[in-house]
Structures are given as structure tokens and as C-alpha cells.
Amino acid sequence: MQKLAHLAAYDAANKNNAGGAYLRTERLYTSQVTEWRKLRDAGNLAGKKPGEKIGRLTPEQAEIAQLRRQLSKTEQRLETTGGGTLEIMSKMHELLVSLSNSSRDETPHALP
């Protein structure tokens, strides 16, 4: 189904921060993507024929869809912030080792 293909392509583009560009080239709106995600998460996009009526989400399905979106956003934030944190920690470690080595190399100053 074309909606599922758009969702997959948009999610892939979003990981590279190109989701907006994908929507512009395909002439889609974020509201459409949001609605299609709800329908997909409820299982209403798979196996439906064109023009066939689609039901509403049950409360459980809506909650599952919301939790999946939150998990996806959290994983994306972790990807972007996790690498920077490790890099900073590595540089701090190098600095501390350098300071430690330089303090050992210095001769103690004699008091007059």
C-alpha cells in the first residue's frame, strides 16, 4: 500500500534529518503522516481494500501507538546525544591523564 511505503520512506528520511524535505518532494503534510501512523499502528492499513471503511482505534491501540511514538523519539534523542557524551568523556579523560603526567614531571619548589 502506498501509505505504508510513504511512512517507511519518511521514517528513514527522518533519521537523516531529511523528513521535511521528503514531505515537500512528495507533497505530503505531517498531519497525513500522523493519521497514517495511527491507522498503521491499529492494524487498519494492512489488508484493507480501497474505499473500505476503516474503524477507530480502541483505547488500548491508541495507547500502544502513543507509546511507540514516544519510544521512537526517545531512541532518536539517545542516538544524537549519546555519541557526544562519550566524546566529551574521552577528551576529559585525556586532559586528566595529561595533567596527572605533567604534575609528576614537575620538580617540587624549595621554600626559601
PDB file of N, CA and C in Angstrom:
ATOM      1  N   MET A   1       0.846  -1.180   0.000  1.00  0.00           N
ATOM      2  CA  MET A   1       0.000   0.000   0.000  1.00  0.00           C
ATOM      3  C   MET A   1       0.888   1.238   0.000  1.00  0.00           C
ATOM      4  N   GLN A   2       0.493   2.254  -0.703  1.00  0.00           N
ATOM      5  CA  GLN A   2       1.302   3.454  -0.871  1.00  0.00           C
ATOM      6  C   GLN A   2       1.499   4.208   0.449  1.00  0.00           C
ATOM      7  N   LYS A   3       0.518   4.228   1.304  1.00  0.00           N
ATOM      8  CA  LYS A   3       0.642   4.926   2.581  1.00  0.00           C
ATOM      9  C   LYS A   3       1.728   4.296   3.428  1.00  0.00           C
ATOM     10  N   LEU A   4       1.769   2.967   3.458  1.00  0.00           N
ATOM     11  CA  LEU A   4       2.809   2.278   4.220  1.00  0.00           C
ATOM     12  C   LEU A   4       4.184   2.568   3.640  1.00  0.00           C
ATOM     13  N   ALA A   5       4.287   2.635   2.329  1.00  0.00           N
ATOM     14  CA  ALA A   5       5.568   2.941   1.687  1.00  0.00           C
ATOM     15  C   ALA A   5       5.999   4.364   2.034  1.00  0.00           C
ATOM     16  N   HIS A   6       5.047   5.304   2.033  1.00  0.00           N
ATOM     17  CA  HIS A   6       5.372   6.679   2.415  1.00  0.00           C
ATOM     18  C   HIS A   6       5.838   6.744   3.868  1.00  0.00           C
ATOM     19  N   LEU A   7       5.170   6.014   4.748  1.00  0.00           N
ATOM     20  CA  LEU A   7       5.564   6.021   6.153  1.00  0.00           C
ATOM     21  C   LEU A   7       6.985   5.492   6.329  1.00  0.00           C
ATOM     22  N   ALA A   8       7.307   4.394   5.658  1.00  0.00           N
ATOM     23  CA  ALA A   8       8.650   3.815   5.763  1.00  0.00           C
ATOM     24  C   ALA A   8       9.700   4.774   5.214  1.00  0.00           C
ATOM     25  N   ALA A   9       9.413   5.388   4.071  1.00  0.00           N
ATOM     26  CA  ALA A   9      10.367   6.320   3.466  1.00  0.00           C
ATOM     27  C   ALA A   9      10.526   7.571   4.330  1.00  0.00           C
ATOM     28  N   TYR A  10       9.442   8.047   4.901  1.00  0.00           N
ATOM     29  CA  TYR A  10       9.510   9.235   5.752  1.00  0.00           C
ATOM     30  C   TYR A  10      10.310   8.942   7.013  1.00  0.00           C
ATOM     31  N   ASP A  11      10.078   7.781   7.645  1.00  0.00           N
ATOM     32  CA  ASP A  11      10.829   7.413   8.841  1.00  0.00           C
ATOM     33  C   ASP A  11      12.313   7.294   8.543  1.00  0.00           C
ATOM     34  N   ALA A  12      12.650   6.714   7.389  1.00  0.00           N
ATOM     35  CA  ALA A  12      14.059   6.594   7.002  1.00  0.00           C
ATOM     36  C   ALA A  12      14.674   7.980   6.768  1.00  0.00           C
ATOM     37  N   ALA A  13      13.937   8.843   6.116  1.00  0.00           N
ATOM     38  CA  ALA A  13      14.435  10.203   5.861  1.00  0.00           C
ATOM     39  C   ALA A  13      14.568  10.983   7.163  1.00  0.00           C
ATOM     40  N   ASN A  14      13.662  10.745   8.091  1.00  0.00           N
ATOM     41  CA  ASN A  14      13.688  11.437   9.374  1.00  0.00           C
ATOM     42  C   ASN A  14      14.940  11.111  10.170  1.00  0.00           C
ATOM     43  N   LYS A  15      15.443   9.893  10.043  1.00  0.00           N
ATOM     44  CA  LYS A  15      16.662   9.512  10.766  1.00  0.00           C
ATOM     45  C   LYS A  15      17.864  10.314  10.277  1.00  0.00           C
ATOM     46  N   ASN A  16      17.806  10.797   9.050  1.00  0.00           N
ATOM     47  CA  ASN A  16      18.887  11.618   8.490  1.00  0.00           C
ATOM     48  C   ASN A  16      18.525  13.095   8.499  1.00  0.00           C
ATOM     49  N   ASN A  17      17.534  13.452   9.311  1.00  0.00           N
ATOM     50  CA  ASN A  17      17.060  14.834   9.403  1.00  0.00           C
ATOM     51  C   ASN A  17      16.604  15.377   8.052  1.00  0.00           C
ATOM     52  N   ALA A  18      16.016  14.526   7.223  1.00  0.00           N
ATOM     53  CA  ALA A  18      15.534  14.948   5.911  1.00  0.00           C
ATOM     54  C   ALA A  18      14.036  14.677   5.752  1.00  0.00           C
ATOM     55  N   GLY A  19      13.332  14.537   6.867  1.00  0.00           N
ATOM     56  CA  GLY A  19      11.901  14.248   6.813  1.00  0.00           C
ATOM     57  C   GLY A  19      11.100  15.357   6.153  1.00  0.00           C
ATOM     58  N   GLY A  20      11.438  16.598   6.488  1.00  0.00           N
ATOM     59  CA  GLY A  20      10.733  17.730   5.890  1.00  0.00           C
ATOM     60  C   GLY A  20      10.927  17.793   4.385  1.00  0.00           C
ATOM     61  N   ALA A  21      12.145  17.509   3.951  1.00  0.00           N
ATOM     62  CA  ALA A  21      12.430  17.518   2.512  1.00  0.00           C
ATOM     63  C   ALA A  21      11.625  16.429   1.809  1.00  0.00           C
ATOM     64  N   TYR A  22      11.529  15.257   2.440  1.00  0.00           N
ATOM     65  CA  TYR A  22      10.746  14.168   1.842  1.00  0.00           C
ATOM     66  C   TYR A  22       9.284  14.584   1.687  1.00  0.00           C
ATOM     67  N   LEU A  23       8.733  15.194   2.736  1.00  0.00           N
ATOM     68  CA  LEU A  23       7.333  15.614   2.674  1.00  0.00           C
ATOM     69  C   LEU A  23       7.111  16.643   1.568  1.00  0.00           C
ATOM     70  N   ARG A  24       8.064  17.571   1.428  1.00  0.00           N
ATOM     71  CA  ARG A  24       7.913  18.590   0.380  1.00  0.00           C
ATOM     72  C   ARG A  24       7.969  17.972  -1.014  1.00  0.00           C
ATOM     73  N   THR A  25       8.911  17.047  -1.233  1.00  0.00           N
ATOM     74  CA  THR A  25       9.033  16.459  -2.572  1.00  0.00           C
ATOM     75  C   THR A  25       7.822  15.598  -2.917  1.00  0.00           C
ATOM     76  N   GLU A  26       7.240  14.954  -1.920  1.00  0.00           N
ATOM     77  CA  GLU A  26       6.083  14.093  -2.159  1.00  0.00           C
ATOM     78  C   GLU A  26       4.765  14.849  -2.009  1.00  0.00           C
ATOM     79  N   ARG A  27       4.864  16.132  -1.648  1.00  0.00           N
ATOM     80  CA  ARG A  27       3.680  16.972  -1.445  1.00  0.00           C
ATOM     81  C   ARG A  27       2.719  16.380  -0.421  1.00  0.00           C
ATOM     82  N   LEU A  28       3.293  16.044   0.733  1.00  0.00           N
ATOM     83  CA  LEU A  28       2.528  15.481   1.839  1.00  0.00           C
ATOM     84  C   LEU A  28       2.585  16.435   3.022  1.00  0.00           C
ATOM     85  N   TYR A  29       1.681  16.226   3.976  1.00  0.00           N
ATOM     86  CA  TYR A  29       1.633  17.021   5.188  1.00  0.00           C
ATOM     87  C   TYR A  29       1.895  16.126   6.394  1.00  0.00           C
ATOM     88  N   THR A  30       2.446  16.723   7.446  1.00  0.00           N
ATOM     89  CA  THR A  30       2.712  15.942   8.664  1.00  0.00           C
ATOM     90  C   THR A  30       1.421  15.405   9.255  1.00  0.00           C
ATOM     91  N   SER A  31       0.320  16.124   9.077  1.00  0.00           N
ATOM     92  CA  SER A  31      -0.961  15.639   9.610  1.00  0.00           C
ATOM     93  C   SER A  31      -1.360  14.322   8.937  1.00  0.00           C
ATOM     94  N   GLN A  32      -1.044  14.194   7.641  1.00  0.00           N
ATOM     95  CA  GLN A  32      -1.341  12.939   6.947  1.00  0.00           C
ATOM     96  C   GLN A  32      -0.494  11.801   7.525  1.00  0.00           C
ATOM     97  N   VAL A  33       0.780  12.091   7.738  1.00  0.00           N
ATOM     98  CA  VAL A  33       1.682  11.076   8.278  1.00  0.00           C
ATOM     99  C   VAL A  33       1.211  10.645   9.665  1.00  0.00           C
ATOM    100  N   THR A  34       0.808  11.617  10.474  1.00  0.00           N
ATOM    101  CA  THR A  34       0.311  11.307  11.816  1.00  0.00           C
ATOM    102  C   THR A  34      -0.908  10.395  11.757  1.00  0.00           C
ATOM    103  N   GLU A  35      -1.842  10.717  10.885  1.00  0.00           N
ATOM    104  CA  GLU A  35      -3.062   9.906  10.746  1.00  0.00           C
ATOM    105  C   GLU A  35      -2.719   8.509  10.237  1.00  0.00           C
ATOM    106  N   TRP A  36      -1.833   8.426   9.258  1.00  0.00           N
ATOM    107  CA  TRP A  36      -1.455   7.120   8.709  1.00  0.00           C
ATOM    108  C   TRP A  36      -0.748   6.267   9.759  1.00  0.00           C
ATOM    109  N   ARG A  37       0.041   6.899  10.608  1.00  0.00           N
ATOM    110  CA  ARG A  37       0.707   6.140  11.685  1.00  0.00           C
ATOM    111  C   ARG A  37      -0.325   5.552  12.634  1.00  0.00           C
ATOM    112  N   LYS A  38      -1.321   6.352  12.994  1.00  0.00           N
ATOM    113  CA  LYS A  38      -2.379   5.860  13.885  1.00  0.00           C
ATOM    114  C   LYS A  38      -3.077   4.651  13.261  1.00  0.00           C
ATOM    115  N   LEU A  39      -3.398   4.776  11.982  1.00  0.00           N
ATOM    116  CA  LEU A  39      -4.085   3.683  11.297  1.00  0.00           C
ATOM    117  C   LEU A  39      -3.180   2.455  11.178  1.00  0.00           C
ATOM    118  N   ARG A  40      -1.905   2.695  10.874  1.00  0.00           N
ATOM    119  CA  ARG A  40      -0.958   1.575  10.757  1.00  0.00           C
ATOM    120  C   ARG A  40      -0.798   0.855  12.093  1.00  0.00           C
ATOM    121  N   ASP A  41      -0.624   1.636  13.163  1.00  0.00           N
ATOM    122  CA  ASP A  41      -0.425   1.045  14.486  1.00  0.00           C
ATOM    123  C   ASP A  41      -1.649   0.282  14.958  1.00  0.00           C
ATOM    124  N   ALA A  42      -2.816   0.681  14.482  1.00  0.00           N
ATOM    125  CA  ALA A  42      -4.050  -0.027  14.826  1.00  0.00           C
ATOM    126  C   ALA A  42      -4.264  -1.244  13.942  1.00  0.00           C
ATOM    127  N   GLY A  43      -3.413  -1.400  12.921  1.00  0.00           N
ATOM    128  CA  GLY A  43      -3.550  -2.536  12.014  1.00  0.00           C
ATOM    129  C   GLY A  43      -4.607  -2.323  10.955  1.00  0.00           C
ATOM    130  N   ASN A  44      -5.032  -1.086  10.766  1.00  0.00           N
ATOM    131  CA  ASN A  44      -6.099  -0.809   9.820  1.00  0.00           C
ATOM    132  C   ASN A  44      -5.623  -0.550   8.395  1.00  0.00           C
ATOM    133  N   LEU A  45      -4.335  -0.373   8.190  1.00  0.00           N
ATOM    134  CA  LEU A  45      -3.855  -0.137   6.826  1.00  0.00           C
ATOM    135  C   LEU A  45      -3.580  -1.441   6.084  1.00  0.00           C
ATOM    136  N   ALA A  46      -3.169  -2.441   6.794  1.00  0.00           N
ATOM    137  CA  ALA A  46      -2.829  -3.713   6.151  1.00  0.00           C
ATOM    138  C   ALA A  46      -4.101  -4.485   5.811  1.00  0.00           C
ATOM    139  N   GLY A  47      -4.215  -4.889   4.585  1.00  0.00           N
ATOM    140  CA  GLY A  47      -5.308  -5.755   4.167  1.00  0.00           C
ATOM    141  C   GLY A  47      -6.624  -5.066   3.869  1.00  0.00           C
ATOM    142  N   LYS A  48      -6.673  -3.756   3.908  1.00  0.00           N
ATOM    143  CA  LYS A  48      -7.911  -3.050   3.594  1.00  0.00           C
ATOM    144  C   LYS A  48      -7.944  -2.727   2.104  1.00  0.00           C
ATOM    145  N   LYS A  49      -9.124  -2.819   1.522  1.00  0.00           N
ATOM    146  CA  LYS A  49      -9.291  -2.504   0.111  1.00  0.00           C
ATOM    147  C   LYS A  49      -9.628  -1.033  -0.051  1.00  0.00           C
ATOM    148  N   PRO A  50      -9.288  -0.432  -1.207  1.00  0.00           N
ATOM    149  CA  PRO A  50      -9.617   0.975  -1.411  1.00  0.00           C
ATOM    150  C   PRO A  50     -11.114   1.221  -1.238  1.00  0.00           C
ATOM    151  N   GLY A  51     -11.424   2.257  -0.465  1.00  0.00           N
ATOM    152  CA  GLY A  51     -12.816   2.610  -0.230  1.00  0.00           C
ATOM    153  C   GLY A  51     -13.456   1.865   0.929  1.00  0.00           C
ATOM    154  N   GLU A  52     -12.797   0.847   1.446  1.00  0.00           N
ATOM    155  CA  GLU A  52     -13.336   0.088   2.570  1.00  0.00           C
ATOM    156  C   GLU A  52     -13.261   0.946   3.829  1.00  0.00           C
ATOM    157  N   LYS A  53     -14.315   0.912   4.631  1.00  0.00           N
ATOM    158  CA  LYS A  53     -14.382   1.739   5.821  1.00  0.00           C
ATOM    159  C   LYS A  53     -13.348   1.278   6.849  1.00  0.00           C
ATOM    160  N   ILE A  54     -12.705   2.259   7.455  1.00  0.00           N
ATOM    161  CA  ILE A  54     -11.685   1.980   8.458  1.00  0.00           C
ATOM    162  C   ILE A  54     -12.239   2.369   9.817  1.00  0.00           C
ATOM    163  N   GLY A  55     -12.082   1.476  10.782  1.00  0.00           N
ATOM    164  CA  GLY A  55     -12.605   1.722  12.119  1.00  0.00           C
ATOM    165  C   GLY A  55     -11.713   2.622  12.949  1.00  0.00           C
ATOM    166  N   ARG A  56     -12.229   3.042  14.087  1.00  0.00           N
ATOM    167  CA  ARG A  56     -11.471   3.886  15.007  1.00  0.00           C
ATOM    168  C   ARG A  56     -10.569   3.008  15.868  1.00  0.00           C
ATOM    169  N   LEU A  57      -9.561   3.657  16.438  1.00  0.00           N
ATOM    170  CA  LEU A  57      -8.652   2.954  17.341  1.00  0.00           C
ATOM    171  C   LEU A  57      -9.345   2.662  18.663  1.00  0.00           C
ATOM    172  N   THR A  58      -9.060   1.494  19.212  1.00  0.00           N
ATOM    173  CA  THR A  58      -9.531   1.215  20.566  1.00  0.00           C
ATOM    174  C   THR A  58      -8.622   1.988  21.520  1.00  0.00           C
ATOM    175  N   PRO A  59      -9.052   2.196  22.753  1.00  0.00           N
ATOM    176  CA  PRO A  59      -8.183   2.913  23.704  1.00  0.00           C
ATOM    177  C   PRO A  59      -6.816   2.235  23.873  1.00  0.00           C
ATOM    178  N   GLU A  60      -6.808   0.912  23.863  1.00  0.00           N
ATOM    179  CA  GLU A  60      -5.545   0.183  24.000  1.00  0.00           C
ATOM    180  C   GLU A  60      -4.643   0.419  22.791  1.00  0.00           C
ATOM    181  N   GLN A  61      -5.232   0.394  21.595  1.00  0.00           N
ATOM    182  CA  GLN A  61      -4.456   0.628  20.384  1.00  0.00           C
ATOM    183  C   GLN A  61      -3.903   2.052  20.348  1.00  0.00           C
ATOM    184  N   ALA A  62      -4.701   3.008  20.799  1.00  0.00           N
ATOM    185  CA  ALA A  62      -4.242   4.396  20.833  1.00  0.00           C
ATOM    186  C   ALA A  62      -3.082   4.559  21.808  1.00  0.00           C
ATOM    187  N   GLU A  63      -3.189   3.897  22.950  1.00  0.00           N
ATOM    188  CA  GLU A  63      -2.108   3.972  23.938  1.00  0.00           C
ATOM    189  C   GLU A  63      -0.835   3.320  23.406  1.00  0.00           C
ATOM    190  N   ILE A  64      -0.978   2.177  22.752  1.00  0.00           N
ATOM    191  CA  ILE A  64       0.180   1.497  22.170  1.00  0.00           C
ATOM    192  C   ILE A  64       0.833   2.377  21.107  1.00  0.00           C
ATOM    193  N   ALA A  65       0.035   2.998  20.282  1.00  0.00           N
ATOM    194  CA  ALA A  65       0.567   3.884  19.239  1.00  0.00           C
ATOM    195  C   ALA A  65       1.315   5.059  19.862  1.00  0.00           C
ATOM    196  N   GLN A  66       0.738   5.635  20.911  1.00  0.00           N
ATOM    197  CA  GLN A  66       1.386   6.755  21.588  1.00  0.00           C
ATOM    198  C   GLN A  66       2.707   6.315  22.215  1.00  0.00           C
ATOM    199  N   LEU A  67       2.723   5.162  22.861  1.00  0.00           N
ATOM    200  CA  LEU A  67       3.944   4.663  23.484  1.00  0.00           C
ATOM    201  C   LEU A  67       5.021   4.350  22.445  1.00  0.00           C
ATOM    202  N   ARG A  68       4.605   3.834  21.301  1.00  0.00           N
ATOM    203  CA  ARG A  68       5.577   3.571  20.230  1.00  0.00           C
ATOM    204  C   ARG A  68       6.199   4.864  19.724  1.00  0.00           C
ATOM    205  N   ARG A  69       5.397   5.905  19.574  1.00  0.00           N
ATOM    206  CA  ARG A  69       5.925   7.201  19.128  1.00  0.00           C
ATOM    207  C   ARG A  69       6.886   7.774  20.156  1.00  0.00           C
ATOM    208  N   GLN A  70       6.536   7.668  21.438  1.00  0.00           N
ATOM    209  CA  GLN A  70       7.415   8.165  22.494  1.00  0.00           C
ATOM    210  C   GLN A  70       8.732   7.398  22.505  1.00  0.00           C
ATOM    211  N   LEU A  71       8.660   6.081  22.338  1.00  0.00           N
ATOM    212  CA  LEU A  71       9.871   5.257  22.307  1.00  0.00           C
ATOM    213  C   LEU A  71      10.751   5.646  21.133  1.00  0.00           C
ATOM    214  N   SER A  72      10.146   5.861  19.997  1.00  0.00           N
ATOM    215  CA  SER A  72      10.903   6.252  18.804  1.00  0.00           C
ATOM    216  C   SER A  72      11.607   7.588  19.012  1.00  0.00           C
ATOM    217  N   LYS A  73      10.908   8.561  19.580  1.00  0.00           N
ATOM    218  CA  LYS A  73      11.507   9.872  19.835  1.00  0.00           C
ATOM    219  C   LYS A  73      12.647   9.758  20.847  1.00  0.00           C
ATOM    220  N   THR A  74      12.446   8.955  21.890  1.00  0.00           N
ATOM    221  CA  THR A  74      13.469   8.786  22.914  1.00  0.00           C
ATOM    222  C   THR A  74      14.707   8.110  22.333  1.00  0.00           C
ATOM    223  N   GLU A  75      14.505   7.089  21.515  1.00  0.00           N
ATOM    224  CA  GLU A  75      15.643   6.413  20.885  1.00  0.00           C
ATOM    225  C   GLU A  75      16.399   7.368  19.971  1.00  0.00           C
ATOM    226  N   GLN A  76      15.672   8.222  19.261  1.00  0.00           N
ATOM    227  CA  GLN A  76      16.321   9.180  18.365  1.00  0.00           C
ATOM    228  C   GLN A  76      17.130  10.200  19.163  1.00  0.00           C
ATOM    229  N   ARG A  77      16.580  10.679  20.287  1.00  0.00           N
ATOM    230  CA  ARG A  77      17.322  11.610  21.137  1.00  0.00           C
ATOM    231  C   ARG A  77      18.567  10.958  21.708  1.00  0.00           C
ATOM    232  N   LEU A  78      18.454   9.706  22.099  1.00  0.00           N
ATOM    233  CA  LEU A  78      19.595   8.979  22.654  1.00  0.00           C
ATOM    234  C   LEU A  78      20.700   8.834  21.618  1.00  0.00           C
ATOM    235  N   GLU A  79      20.325   8.564  20.373  1.00  0.00           N
ATOM    236  CA  GLU A  79      21.316   8.450  19.302  1.00  0.00           C
ATOM    237  C   GLU A  79      22.080   9.751  19.119  1.00  0.00           C
ATOM    238  N   THR A  80      21.369  10.862  19.144  1.00  0.00           N
ATOM    239  CA  THR A  80      22.029  12.139  18.876  1.00  0.00           C
ATOM    240  C   THR A  80      22.849  12.632  20.057  1.00  0.00           C
ATOM    241  N   THR A  81      22.424  12.364  21.285  1.00  0.00           N
ATOM    242  CA  THR A  81      23.158  12.863  22.446  1.00  0.00           C
ATOM    243  C   THR A  81      24.181  11.874  22.972  1.00  0.00           C
ATOM    244  N   GLY A  82      23.982  10.596  22.762  1.00  0.00           N
ATOM    245  CA  GLY A  82      24.885   9.581  23.310  1.00  0.00           C
ATOM    246  C   GLY A  82      26.295   9.680  22.770  1.00  0.00           C
ATOM    247  N   GLY A  83      26.451   9.882  21.482  1.00  0.00           N
ATOM    248  CA  GLY A  83      27.775   9.958  20.875  1.00  0.00           C
ATOM    249  C   GLY A  83      28.559  11.156  21.367  1.00  0.00           C
ATOM    250  N   GLY A  84      27.891  12.277  21.535  1.00  0.00           N
ATOM    251  CA  GLY A  84      28.562  13.480  22.020  1.00  0.00           C
ATOM    252  C   GLY A  84      29.039  13.328  23.444  1.00  0.00           C
ATOM    253  N   THR A  85      28.263  12.668  24.266  1.00  0.00           N
ATOM    254  CA  THR A  85      28.638  12.446  25.658  1.00  0.00           C
ATOM    255  C   THR A  85      29.891  11.611  25.748  1.00  0.00           C
ATOM    256  N   LEU A  86      29.969  10.544  24.980  1.00  0.00           N
ATOM    257  CA  LEU A  86      31.157   9.694  25.003  1.00  0.00           C
ATOM    258  C   LEU A  86      32.390  10.444  24.523  1.00  0.00           C
ATOM    259  N   GLU A  87      32.219  11.282  23.523  1.00  0.00           N
ATOM    260  CA  GLU A  87      33.344  12.069  23.007  1.00  0.00           C
ATOM    261  C   GLU A  87      33.857  13.032  24.069  1.00  0.00           C
ATOM    262  N   ILE A  88      32.956  13.694  24.781  1.00  0.00           N
ATOM    263  CA  ILE A  88      33.343  14.627  25.841  1.00  0.00           C
ATOM    264  C   ILE A  88      34.061  13.883  26.962  1.00  0.00           C
ATOM    265  N   MET A  89      33.535  12.729  27.343  1.00  0.00           N
ATOM    266  CA  MET A  89      34.172  11.944  28.409  1.00  0.00           C
ATOM    267  C   MET A  89      35.570  11.514  28.006  1.00  0.00           C
ATOM    268  N   SER A  90      35.748  11.137  26.756  1.00  0.00           N
ATOM    269  CA  SER A  90      37.056  10.723  26.267  1.00  0.00           C
ATOM    270  C   SER A  90      38.053  11.877  26.333  1.00  0.00           C
ATOM    271  N   LYS A  91      37.620  13.059  25.910  1.00  0.00           N
ATOM    272  CA  LYS A  91      38.504  14.230  25.951  1.00  0.00           C
ATOM    273  C   LYS A  91      38.843  14.616  27.381  1.00  0.00           C
ATOM    274  N   MET A  92      37.886  14.520  28.283  1.00  0.00           N
ATOM    275  CA  MET A  92      38.150  14.813  29.694  1.00  0.00           C
ATOM    276  C   MET A  92      39.167  13.837  30.270  1.00  0.00           C
ATOM    277  N   HIS A  93      39.054  12.580  29.902  1.00  0.00           N
ATOM    278  CA  HIS A  93      39.993  11.573  30.363  1.00  0.00           C
ATOM    279  C   HIS A  93      41.404  11.905  29.874  1.00  0.00           C
ATOM    280  N   GLU A  94      41.526  12.255  28.602  1.00  0.00           N
ATOM    281  CA  GLU A  94      42.832  12.628  28.050  1.00  0.00           C
ATOM    282  C   GLU A  94      43.410  13.832  28.785  1.00  0.00           C
ATOM    283  N   LEU A  95      42.586  14.814  29.087  1.00  0.00           N
ATOM    284  CA  LEU A  95      43.035  16.000  29.794  1.00  0.00           C
ATOM    285  C   LEU A  95      43.515  15.658  31.196  1.00  0.00           C
ATOM    286  N   LEU A  96      42.766  14.814  31.896  1.00  0.00           N
ATOM    287  CA  LEU A  96      43.157  14.431  33.248  1.00  0.00           C
ATOM    288  C   LEU A  96      44.464  13.641  33.254  1.00  0.00           C
ATOM    289  N   VAL A  97      44.623  12.750  32.283  1.00  0.00           N
ATOM    290  CA  VAL A  97      45.871  11.987  32.178  1.00  0.00           C
ATOM    291  C   VAL A  97      47.028  12.940  31.898  1.00  0.00           C
ATOM    292  N   SER A  98      46.822  13.890  31.013  1.00  0.00           N
ATOM    293  CA  SER A  98      47.859  14.864  30.681  1.00  0.00           C
ATOM    294  C   SER A  98      48.233  15.699  31.898  1.00  0.00           C
ATOM    295  N   LEU A  99      47.247  16.162  32.650  1.00  0.00           N
ATOM    296  CA  LEU A  99      47.519  16.945  33.863  1.00  0.00           C
ATOM    297  C   LEU A  99      48.235  16.108  34.913  1.00  0.00           C
ATOM    298  N   SER A 100      47.826  14.881  35.036  1.00  0.00           N
ATOM    299  CA  SER A 100      48.460  13.991  36.010  1.00  0.00           C
ATOM    300  C   SER A 100      49.923  13.755  35.652  1.00  0.00           C
ATOM    301  N   ASN A 101      50.202  13.513  34.390  1.00  0.00           N
ATOM    302  CA  ASN A 101      51.581  13.277  33.943  1.00  0.00           C
ATOM    303  C   ASN A 101      52.430  14.527  34.105  1.00  0.00           C
ATOM    304  N   SER A 102      51.876  15.694  33.806  1.00  0.00           N
ATOM    305  CA  SER A 102      52.652  16.927  33.910  1.00  0.00           C
ATOM    306  C   SER A 102      52.941  17.272  35.366  1.00  0.00           C
ATOM    307  N   SER A 103      52.042  16.927  36.275  1.00  0.00           N
ATOM    308  CA  SER A 103      52.293  17.227  37.683  1.00  0.00           C
ATOM    309  C   SER A 103      53.371  16.306  38.257  1.00  0.00           C
ATOM    310  N   ARG A 104      53.497  15.108  37.734  1.00  0.00           N
ATOM    311  CA  ARG A 104      54.558  14.189  38.180  1.00  0.00           C
ATOM    312  C   ARG A 104      55.923  14.643  37.678  1.00  0.00           C
ATOM    313  N   ASP A 105      55.947  15.243  36.501  1.00  0.00           N
ATOM    314  CA  ASP A 105      57.206  15.659  35.887  1.00  0.00           C
ATOM    315  C   ASP A 105      57.787  16.924  36.503  1.00  0.00           C
ATOM    316  N   GLU A 106      56.974  17.735  37.149  1.00  0.00           N
ATOM    317  CA  GLU A 106      57.453  18.969  37.731  1.00  0.00           C
ATOM    318  C   GLU A 106      58.265  18.674  38.982  1.00  0.00           C
ATOM    319  N   THR A 107      59.331  19.443  39.173  1.00  0.00           N
ATOM    320  CA  THR A 107      60.141  19.284  40.376  1.00  0.00           C
ATOM    321  C   THR A 107      59.508  20.127  41.475  1.00  0.00           C
ATOM    322  N   PRO A 108      59.528  19.628  42.697  1.00  0.00           N
ATOM    323  CA  PRO A 108      58.930  20.403  43.787  1.00  0.00           C
ATOM    324  C   PRO A 108      59.756  21.660  44.021  1.00  0.00           C
ATOM    325  N   HIS A 109      59.070  22.736  44.321  1.00  0.00           N
ATOM    326  CA  HIS A 109      59.738  24.012  44.582  1.00  0.00           C
ATOM    327  C   HIS A 109      60.221  24.029  46.025  1.00  0.00           C
ATOM    328  N   ALA A 110      61.450  24.450  46.200  1.00  0.00           N
ATOM    329  CA  ALA A 110      62.006  24.541  47.560  1.00  0.00           C
ATOM    330  C   ALA A 110      61.581  25.864  48.172  1.00  0.00           C
ATOM    331  N   LEU A 111      61.213  25.803  49.428  1.00  0.00           N
ATOM    332  CA  LEU A 111      60.844  27.024  50.138  1.00  0.00           C
ATOM    333  C   LEU A 111      62.113  27.727  50.624  1.00  0.00           C
ATOM    334  N   PRO A 112      62.183  29.036  50.529  1.00  0.00           N
ATOM    335  CA  PRO A 112      63.408  29.751  50.970  1.00  0.00           C
ATOM    336  C   PRO A 112      63.568  29.771  52.460  1.00  0.00           C
TER     337      PRO A 112
END
